[in-house]
Amino acid sequence: MNANEEQKQQYNEYVKQVTPTHSLPYEMFKAFITGGIICLLGQAIRNTGTQMGLDQDTAGAWCSIILVFLSILLTGLNIYPSVAKWGGAGALVPITGFANGVAAPAIEYKKEGQVFGIGSKIFTIAGPVILYGIFTSWVLGLIYWTGLLLGIF
């Protein structure tokens, strides 16, 4: 074995040592628990709203507003990143993850100023989600409208 092959083998062994191993069932369990807690909190907020006399839509709107506020607050206090690191997709998929995706770059680039920091970096994570979400809804709306004109729907 020449020196180059030995070096490659040593490197591969090093990579195996430092690469973290993950248990998929355990990671799925953590995501389920994290997402479940967020949804449980949301349902509690919505139920509280309806018990206070709000209709279902208004209570749902207040639930979204409060969850977004809590996500941004926890992001600002540097707590939500730890929750997202532990809970994975369970913390990143709900509306709280989207709010974190908007708030985190704004906080990170705040020191660069209002325009070149916050203004230019705030949508680095959430921008593609907004762009493709709007584009997809436009395409589906066009398909639906065409279907209505043709009598399909």
N, C-alpha and C. Protein backbone atom coordinates (compact mmCIF):
# COMPACT_ATOMS: atom_id res chain seq x y z
N MET A 1 0.86 -1.17 0.00
CA MET A 1 0.00 0.00 0.00
C MET A 1 0.90 1.23 0.00
N ASN A 2 0.64 2.14 -0.93
CA ASN A 2 1.49 3.34 -0.98
C ASN A 2 1.01 4.37 0.03
N ALA A 3 1.78 5.44 0.17
CA ALA A 3 1.51 6.46 1.19
C ALA A 3 0.19 7.18 0.93
N ASN A 4 -0.16 7.36 -0.33
CA ASN A 4 -1.39 8.07 -0.67
C ASN A 4 -2.62 7.25 -0.25
N GLU A 5 -2.61 5.96 -0.52
CA GLU A 5 -3.73 5.10 -0.12
C GLU A 5 -3.83 4.99 1.40
N GLU A 6 -2.70 4.92 2.07
CA GLU A 6 -2.70 4.87 3.54
C GLU A 6 -3.27 6.15 4.13
N GLN A 7 -2.93 7.27 3.51
CA GLN A 7 -3.46 8.56 3.97
C GLN A 7 -4.98 8.62 3.78
N LYS A 8 -5.46 8.11 2.66
CA LYS A 8 -6.91 8.08 2.41
C LYS A 8 -7.61 7.20 3.43
N GLN A 9 -7.01 6.05 3.75
CA GLN A 9 -7.61 5.14 4.72
C GLN A 9 -7.65 5.79 6.11
N GLN A 10 -6.59 6.47 6.50
CA GLN A 10 -6.56 7.17 7.78
C GLN A 10 -7.62 8.25 7.82
N TYR A 11 -7.76 8.96 6.71
CA TYR A 11 -8.77 10.02 6.63
C TYR A 11 -10.17 9.43 6.77
N ASN A 12 -10.44 8.32 6.07
CA ASN A 12 -11.76 7.68 6.17
C ASN A 12 -12.05 7.21 7.58
N GLU A 13 -11.06 6.68 8.27
CA GLU A 13 -11.25 6.27 9.66
C GLU A 13 -11.53 7.47 10.55
N TYR A 14 -10.84 8.58 10.29
CA TYR A 14 -11.07 9.80 11.06
C TYR A 14 -12.50 10.31 10.84
N VAL A 15 -12.95 10.28 9.60
CA VAL A 15 -14.31 10.74 9.28
C VAL A 15 -15.34 9.89 10.01
N LYS A 16 -15.13 8.58 10.06
CA LYS A 16 -16.05 7.69 10.77
C LYS A 16 -16.08 8.01 12.26
N GLN A 17 -14.95 8.40 12.82
CA GLN A 17 -14.88 8.71 14.25
C GLN A 17 -15.62 9.99 14.59
N VAL A 18 -15.49 11.01 13.75
CA VAL A 18 -16.06 12.32 14.08
C VAL A 18 -17.48 12.52 13.56
N THR A 19 -17.93 11.66 12.66
CA THR A 19 -19.29 11.78 12.13
C THR A 19 -20.28 11.28 13.17
N PRO A 20 -21.22 12.16 13.56
CA PRO A 20 -22.20 11.72 14.56
C PRO A 20 -23.13 10.66 13.99
N THR A 21 -23.49 9.71 14.81
CA THR A 21 -24.45 8.69 14.39
C THR A 21 -25.81 9.05 14.98
N HIS A 22 -26.83 8.80 14.19
CA HIS A 22 -28.18 9.13 14.62
C HIS A 22 -29.07 7.91 14.50
N SER A 23 -29.95 7.78 15.44
CA SER A 23 -30.94 6.73 15.39
C SER A 23 -32.22 7.34 14.81
N LEU A 24 -32.62 6.89 13.64
CA LEU A 24 -33.80 7.45 12.99
C LEU A 24 -35.06 7.34 13.85
N PRO A 25 -35.33 6.19 14.46
CA PRO A 25 -36.53 6.12 15.31
C PRO A 25 -36.48 7.11 16.48
N TYR A 26 -35.31 7.28 17.08
CA TYR A 26 -35.18 8.22 18.20
C TYR A 26 -35.36 9.66 17.73
N GLU A 27 -34.79 10.00 16.57
CA GLU A 27 -34.95 11.35 16.03
C GLU A 27 -36.41 11.62 15.67
N MET A 28 -37.10 10.61 15.13
CA MET A 28 -38.51 10.76 14.81
C MET A 28 -39.33 10.93 16.08
N PHE A 29 -38.99 10.20 17.11
CA PHE A 29 -39.67 10.32 18.40
C PHE A 29 -39.51 11.74 18.96
N LYS A 30 -38.29 12.28 18.91
CA LYS A 30 -38.05 13.64 19.42
C LYS A 30 -38.83 14.67 18.60
N ALA A 31 -38.88 14.49 17.29
CA ALA A 31 -39.65 15.41 16.44
C ALA A 31 -41.14 15.31 16.76
N PHE A 32 -41.62 14.10 16.97
CA PHE A 32 -43.03 13.89 17.31
C PHE A 32 -43.38 14.57 18.63
N ILE A 33 -42.53 14.40 19.63
CA ILE A 33 -42.77 15.00 20.94
C ILE A 33 -42.74 16.52 20.84
N THR A 34 -41.72 17.06 20.16
CA THR A 34 -41.59 18.52 20.04
C THR A 34 -42.77 19.12 19.27
N GLY A 35 -43.08 18.57 18.12
CA GLY A 35 -44.23 19.05 17.34
C GLY A 35 -45.54 18.87 18.09
N GLY A 36 -45.65 17.76 18.82
CA GLY A 36 -46.86 17.52 19.60
C GLY A 36 -47.05 18.54 20.71
N ILE A 37 -45.96 18.91 21.37
CA ILE A 37 -46.05 19.92 22.43
C ILE A 37 -46.45 21.28 21.85
N ILE A 38 -45.87 21.62 20.70
CA ILE A 38 -46.23 22.89 20.05
C ILE A 38 -47.72 22.87 19.65
N CYS A 39 -48.16 21.77 19.09
CA CYS A 39 -49.58 21.66 18.70
C CYS A 39 -50.50 21.64 19.91
N LEU A 40 -50.07 20.99 20.98
CA LEU A 40 -50.85 20.98 22.21
C LEU A 40 -50.99 22.39 22.77
N LEU A 41 -49.90 23.14 22.75
CA LEU A 41 -49.95 24.54 23.19
C LEU A 41 -50.90 25.35 22.31
N GLY A 42 -50.80 25.14 20.99
CA GLY A 42 -51.70 25.84 20.07
C GLY A 42 -53.15 25.50 20.32
N GLN A 43 -53.42 24.23 20.55
CA GLN A 43 -54.81 23.82 20.82
C GLN A 43 -55.32 24.42 22.13
N ALA A 44 -54.45 24.49 23.13
CA ALA A 44 -54.83 25.10 24.41
C ALA A 44 -55.14 26.58 24.22
N ILE A 45 -54.34 27.26 23.42
CA ILE A 45 -54.60 28.68 23.15
C ILE A 45 -55.93 28.84 22.42
N ARG A 46 -56.17 27.99 21.43
CA ARG A 46 -57.42 28.08 20.67
C ARG A 46 -58.63 27.76 21.55
N ASN A 47 -58.53 26.74 22.37
CA ASN A 47 -59.63 26.40 23.27
C ASN A 47 -59.90 27.53 24.26
N THR A 48 -58.84 28.14 24.76
CA THR A 48 -59.01 29.27 25.68
C THR A 48 -59.74 30.41 24.98
N GLY A 49 -59.38 30.65 23.72
CA GLY A 49 -60.04 31.71 22.96
C GLY A 49 -61.51 31.44 22.77
N THR A 50 -61.87 30.21 22.44
CA THR A 50 -63.29 29.89 22.26
C THR A 50 -64.05 29.94 23.57
N GLN A 51 -63.40 29.56 24.68
CA GLN A 51 -64.05 29.65 25.99
C GLN A 51 -64.26 31.11 26.39
N MET A 52 -63.44 32.00 25.87
CA MET A 52 -63.60 33.43 26.18
C MET A 52 -64.64 34.08 25.27
N GLY A 53 -65.25 33.30 24.37
CA GLY A 53 -66.32 33.83 23.53
C GLY A 53 -65.92 34.12 22.10
N LEU A 54 -64.71 33.80 21.69
CA LEU A 54 -64.30 34.04 20.31
C LEU A 54 -64.84 32.92 19.42
N ASP A 55 -65.14 33.26 18.16
CA ASP A 55 -65.54 32.20 17.24
C ASP A 55 -64.28 31.42 16.81
N GLN A 56 -64.47 30.29 16.15
CA GLN A 56 -63.36 29.39 15.81
C GLN A 56 -62.28 30.08 14.96
N ASP A 57 -62.70 30.87 13.97
CA ASP A 57 -61.73 31.54 13.10
C ASP A 57 -60.90 32.57 13.86
N THR A 58 -61.55 33.36 14.69
CA THR A 58 -60.84 34.38 15.46
C THR A 58 -59.91 33.73 16.48
N ALA A 59 -60.39 32.68 17.12
CA ALA A 59 -59.53 31.97 18.08
C ALA A 59 -58.33 31.35 17.37
N GLY A 60 -58.53 30.84 16.16
CA GLY A 60 -57.42 30.30 15.38
C GLY A 60 -56.42 31.37 14.98
N ALA A 61 -56.93 32.55 14.63
CA ALA A 61 -56.03 33.65 14.28
C ALA A 61 -55.20 34.07 15.49
N TRP A 62 -55.84 34.18 16.65
CA TRP A 62 -55.11 34.54 17.87
C TRP A 62 -54.11 33.46 18.24
N CYS A 63 -54.45 32.21 18.00
CA CYS A 63 -53.52 31.11 18.26
C CYS A 63 -52.27 31.28 17.41
N SER A 64 -52.44 31.56 16.12
CA SER A 64 -51.29 31.76 15.23
C SER A 64 -50.45 32.95 15.67
N ILE A 65 -51.11 34.04 16.01
CA ILE A 65 -50.39 35.25 16.43
C ILE A 65 -49.57 34.98 17.69
N ILE A 66 -50.17 34.31 18.65
CA ILE A 66 -49.47 34.04 19.91
C ILE A 66 -48.31 33.07 19.70
N LEU A 67 -48.52 32.02 18.87
CA LEU A 67 -47.43 31.08 18.61
C LEU A 67 -46.27 31.74 17.88
N VAL A 68 -46.57 32.61 16.92
CA VAL A 68 -45.51 33.34 16.22
C VAL A 68 -44.77 34.26 17.20
N PHE A 69 -45.52 34.96 18.04
CA PHE A 69 -44.89 35.84 19.03
C PHE A 69 -43.97 35.06 19.96
N LEU A 70 -44.46 33.92 20.47
CA LEU A 70 -43.65 33.11 21.37
C LEU A 70 -42.40 32.58 20.68
N SER A 71 -42.54 32.19 19.42
CA SER A 71 -41.38 31.71 18.66
C SER A 71 -40.34 32.80 18.49
N ILE A 72 -40.78 34.00 18.15
CA ILE A 72 -39.84 35.11 17.97
C ILE A 72 -39.21 35.49 19.30
N LEU A 73 -40.00 35.49 20.35
CA LEU A 73 -39.46 35.80 21.68
C LEU A 73 -38.41 34.77 22.09
N LEU A 74 -38.71 33.49 21.91
CA LEU A 74 -37.76 32.44 22.27
C LEU A 74 -36.53 32.46 21.36
N THR A 75 -36.71 32.88 20.10
CA THR A 75 -35.56 33.03 19.22
C THR A 75 -34.66 34.16 19.70
N GLY A 76 -35.27 35.27 20.08
CA GLY A 76 -34.51 36.41 20.60
C GLY A 76 -33.77 36.10 21.88
N LEU A 77 -34.34 35.21 22.68
CA LEU A 77 -33.69 34.80 23.94
C LEU A 77 -32.74 33.62 23.72
N ASN A 78 -32.56 33.21 22.48
CA ASN A 78 -31.67 32.12 22.09
C ASN A 78 -32.09 30.77 22.70
N ILE A 79 -33.39 30.59 22.87
CA ILE A 79 -33.92 29.33 23.40
C ILE A 79 -34.45 28.46 22.26
N TYR A 80 -35.13 29.07 21.30
CA TYR A 80 -35.74 28.29 20.22
C TYR A 80 -34.72 27.50 19.39
N PRO A 81 -33.52 28.05 19.12
CA PRO A 81 -32.54 27.23 18.39
C PRO A 81 -32.20 25.91 19.11
N SER A 82 -32.17 25.94 20.43
CA SER A 82 -31.91 24.71 21.18
C SER A 82 -33.08 23.74 21.06
N VAL A 83 -34.29 24.28 21.08
CA VAL A 83 -35.48 23.45 20.90
C VAL A 83 -35.46 22.82 19.50
N ALA A 84 -35.12 23.62 18.50
CA ALA A 84 -35.08 23.12 17.13
C ALA A 84 -33.96 22.11 16.94
N LYS A 85 -32.85 22.32 17.61
CA LYS A 85 -31.74 21.36 17.49
C LYS A 85 -32.15 20.02 18.09
N TRP A 86 -32.85 20.04 19.21
CA TRP A 86 -33.27 18.80 19.84
C TRP A 86 -34.44 18.16 19.10
N GLY A 87 -35.43 18.97 18.74
CA GLY A 87 -36.67 18.44 18.17
C GLY A 87 -36.70 18.32 16.67
N GLY A 88 -35.70 18.83 15.98
CA GLY A 88 -35.63 18.70 14.52
C GLY A 88 -36.85 19.26 13.82
N ALA A 89 -37.39 18.46 12.92
CA ALA A 89 -38.53 18.90 12.12
C ALA A 89 -39.76 19.17 12.96
N GLY A 90 -39.84 18.60 14.14
CA GLY A 90 -40.98 18.86 15.01
C GLY A 90 -41.06 20.31 15.43
N ALA A 91 -39.92 21.00 15.46
CA ALA A 91 -39.90 22.42 15.81
C ALA A 91 -39.81 23.31 14.59
N LEU A 92 -39.38 22.77 13.46
CA LEU A 92 -39.16 23.60 12.29
C LEU A 92 -40.33 23.61 11.31
N VAL A 93 -41.18 22.60 11.34
CA VAL A 93 -42.27 22.52 10.38
C VAL A 93 -43.46 23.41 10.75
N PRO A 94 -43.89 23.47 12.00
CA PRO A 94 -45.06 24.30 12.30
C PRO A 94 -44.79 25.79 12.08
N ILE A 95 -45.80 26.60 12.24
CA ILE A 95 -45.70 28.05 12.04
C ILE A 95 -44.61 28.67 12.91
N THR A 96 -44.32 28.04 14.03
CA THR A 96 -43.26 28.56 14.92
C THR A 96 -41.90 28.45 14.25
N GLY A 97 -41.68 27.40 13.48
CA GLY A 97 -40.42 27.26 12.76
C GLY A 97 -40.27 28.31 11.68
N PHE A 98 -41.37 28.66 11.03
CA PHE A 98 -41.32 29.71 10.01
C PHE A 98 -40.99 31.06 10.66
N ALA A 99 -41.61 31.34 11.79
CA ALA A 99 -41.33 32.59 12.50
C ALA A 99 -39.87 32.62 12.94
N ASN A 100 -39.35 31.50 13.41
CA ASN A 100 -37.94 31.40 13.78
C ASN A 100 -37.05 31.65 12.56
N GLY A 101 -37.46 31.12 11.40
CA GLY A 101 -36.68 31.30 10.18
C GLY A 101 -36.62 32.74 9.71
N VAL A 102 -37.61 33.54 10.06
CA VAL A 102 -37.59 34.96 9.71
C VAL A 102 -36.83 35.76 10.77
N ALA A 103 -37.05 35.44 12.04
CA ALA A 103 -36.46 36.22 13.13
C ALA A 103 -34.97 35.98 13.30
N ALA A 104 -34.52 34.74 13.12
CA ALA A 104 -33.11 34.41 13.38
C ALA A 104 -32.14 35.21 12.51
N PRO A 105 -32.34 35.31 11.17
CA PRO A 105 -31.42 36.12 10.38
C PRO A 105 -31.50 37.61 10.74
N ALA A 106 -32.69 38.09 11.09
CA ALA A 106 -32.82 39.49 11.47
C ALA A 106 -31.99 39.78 12.72
N ILE A 107 -32.04 38.89 13.67
CA ILE A 107 -31.26 39.06 14.90
C ILE A 107 -29.77 38.93 14.62
N GLU A 108 -29.42 37.95 13.79
CA GLU A 108 -28.01 37.70 13.50
C GLU A 108 -27.35 38.87 12.76
N TYR A 109 -28.06 39.48 11.83
CA TYR A 109 -27.47 40.54 11.01
C TYR A 109 -27.84 41.94 11.49
N LYS A 110 -28.40 42.06 12.68
CA LYS A 110 -28.80 43.35 13.23
C LYS A 110 -27.61 44.31 13.32
N LYS A 111 -26.46 43.79 13.66
CA LYS A 111 -25.27 44.63 13.85
C LYS A 111 -24.81 45.29 12.55
N GLU A 112 -25.25 44.78 11.41
CA GLU A 112 -24.85 45.36 10.13
C GLU A 112 -25.77 46.50 9.70
N GLY A 113 -26.75 46.83 10.50
CA GLY A 113 -27.62 47.97 10.22
C GLY A 113 -29.00 47.57 9.75
N GLN A 114 -29.87 48.57 9.68
CA GLN A 114 -31.26 48.33 9.31
C GLN A 114 -31.42 47.89 7.85
N VAL A 115 -30.68 48.54 6.94
CA VAL A 115 -30.85 48.25 5.52
C VAL A 115 -30.00 47.06 5.08
N PHE A 116 -28.68 47.16 5.28
CA PHE A 116 -27.78 46.11 4.80
C PHE A 116 -27.74 44.89 5.71
N GLY A 117 -28.23 45.02 6.91
CA GLY A 117 -28.28 43.89 7.83
C GLY A 117 -29.65 43.25 7.82
N ILE A 118 -30.55 43.86 8.58
CA ILE A 118 -31.90 43.30 8.73
C ILE A 118 -32.65 43.28 7.41
N GLY A 119 -32.66 44.41 6.71
CA GLY A 119 -33.44 44.52 5.48
C GLY A 119 -33.04 43.55 4.39
N SER A 120 -31.74 43.32 4.24
CA SER A 120 -31.30 42.44 3.16
C SER A 120 -31.21 40.98 3.56
N LYS A 121 -31.18 40.67 4.85
CA LYS A 121 -30.98 39.29 5.28
C LYS A 121 -32.19 38.64 5.95
N ILE A 122 -33.24 39.41 6.23
CA ILE A 122 -34.34 38.88 7.03
C ILE A 122 -35.04 37.70 6.36
N PHE A 123 -35.09 37.66 5.05
CA PHE A 123 -35.81 36.59 4.37
C PHE A 123 -34.87 35.57 3.72
N THR A 124 -33.62 35.47 4.20
CA THR A 124 -32.70 34.51 3.59
C THR A 124 -33.18 33.08 3.76
N ILE A 125 -33.79 32.76 4.87
CA ILE A 125 -34.30 31.41 5.09
C ILE A 125 -35.75 31.29 4.64
N ALA A 126 -36.57 32.26 5.02
CA ALA A 126 -38.00 32.17 4.73
C ALA A 126 -38.36 32.64 3.32
N GLY A 127 -37.47 33.37 2.67
CA GLY A 127 -37.76 33.90 1.34
C GLY A 127 -38.16 32.85 0.32
N PRO A 128 -37.37 31.77 0.18
CA PRO A 128 -37.75 30.73 -0.78
C PRO A 128 -39.09 30.08 -0.45
N VAL A 129 -39.39 29.93 0.83
CA VAL A 129 -40.67 29.35 1.25
C VAL A 129 -41.81 30.25 0.80
N ILE A 130 -41.65 31.54 1.01
CA ILE A 130 -42.68 32.50 0.61
C ILE A 130 -42.82 32.51 -0.92
N LEU A 131 -41.69 32.60 -1.61
CA LEU A 131 -41.70 32.65 -3.07
C LEU A 131 -42.40 31.45 -3.67
N TYR A 132 -41.96 30.26 -3.33
CA TYR A 132 -42.54 29.05 -3.93
C TYR A 132 -43.94 28.76 -3.40
N GLY A 133 -44.24 29.18 -2.20
CA GLY A 133 -45.59 29.04 -1.69
C GLY A 133 -46.58 29.90 -2.48
N ILE A 134 -46.20 31.14 -2.74
CA ILE A 134 -47.07 32.03 -3.52
C ILE A 134 -47.17 31.55 -4.95
N PHE A 135 -46.04 31.16 -5.54
CA PHE A 135 -46.06 30.68 -6.93
C PHE A 135 -46.93 29.43 -7.07
N THR A 136 -46.77 28.49 -6.15
CA THR A 136 -47.57 27.26 -6.21
C THR A 136 -49.06 27.56 -6.04
N SER A 137 -49.41 28.45 -5.12
CA SER A 137 -50.82 28.79 -4.94
C SER A 137 -51.37 29.49 -6.17
N TRP A 138 -50.55 30.30 -6.85
CA TRP A 138 -50.99 30.97 -8.07
C TRP A 138 -51.25 29.94 -9.17
N VAL A 139 -50.32 28.99 -9.33
CA VAL A 139 -50.49 27.95 -10.36
C VAL A 139 -51.73 27.11 -10.07
N LEU A 140 -51.90 26.69 -8.82
CA LEU A 140 -53.08 25.90 -8.47
C LEU A 140 -54.37 26.70 -8.65
N GLY A 141 -54.32 27.99 -8.33
CA GLY A 141 -55.48 28.85 -8.55
C GLY A 141 -55.82 28.97 -10.03
N LEU A 142 -54.80 29.08 -10.86
CA LEU A 142 -55.01 29.14 -12.31
C LEU A 142 -55.60 27.84 -12.83
N ILE A 143 -55.11 26.72 -12.34
CA ILE A 143 -55.66 25.42 -12.74
C ILE A 143 -57.13 25.32 -12.31
N TYR A 144 -57.41 25.73 -11.09
CA TYR A 144 -58.79 25.67 -10.58
C TYR A 144 -59.71 26.58 -11.41
N TRP A 145 -59.25 27.81 -11.70
CA TRP A 145 -60.04 28.76 -12.47
C TRP A 145 -60.31 28.21 -13.87
N THR A 146 -59.27 27.62 -14.48
CA THR A 146 -59.44 27.02 -15.81
C THR A 146 -60.44 25.85 -15.74
N GLY A 147 -60.34 25.07 -14.69
CA GLY A 147 -61.28 23.96 -14.50
C GLY A 147 -62.71 24.45 -14.33
N LEU A 148 -62.89 25.57 -13.64
CA LEU A 148 -64.23 26.15 -13.51
C LEU A 148 -64.77 26.61 -14.87
N LEU A 149 -63.90 27.26 -15.66
CA LEU A 149 -64.33 27.72 -16.98
C LEU A 149 -64.71 26.55 -17.90
N LEU A 150 -63.99 25.45 -17.77
CA LEU A 150 -64.24 24.28 -18.62
C LEU A 150 -65.32 23.37 -18.05
N GLY A 151 -65.83 23.68 -16.85
CA GLY A 151 -66.88 22.89 -16.23
C GLY A 151 -66.37 21.61 -15.59
N ILE A 152 -65.07 21.52 -15.33
CA ILE A 152 -64.51 20.32 -14.70
C ILE A 152 -64.80 20.32 -13.21
N PHE A 153 -64.73 21.48 -12.59
CA PHE A 153 -64.92 21.56 -11.14
C PHE A 153 -66.30 22.10 -10.83
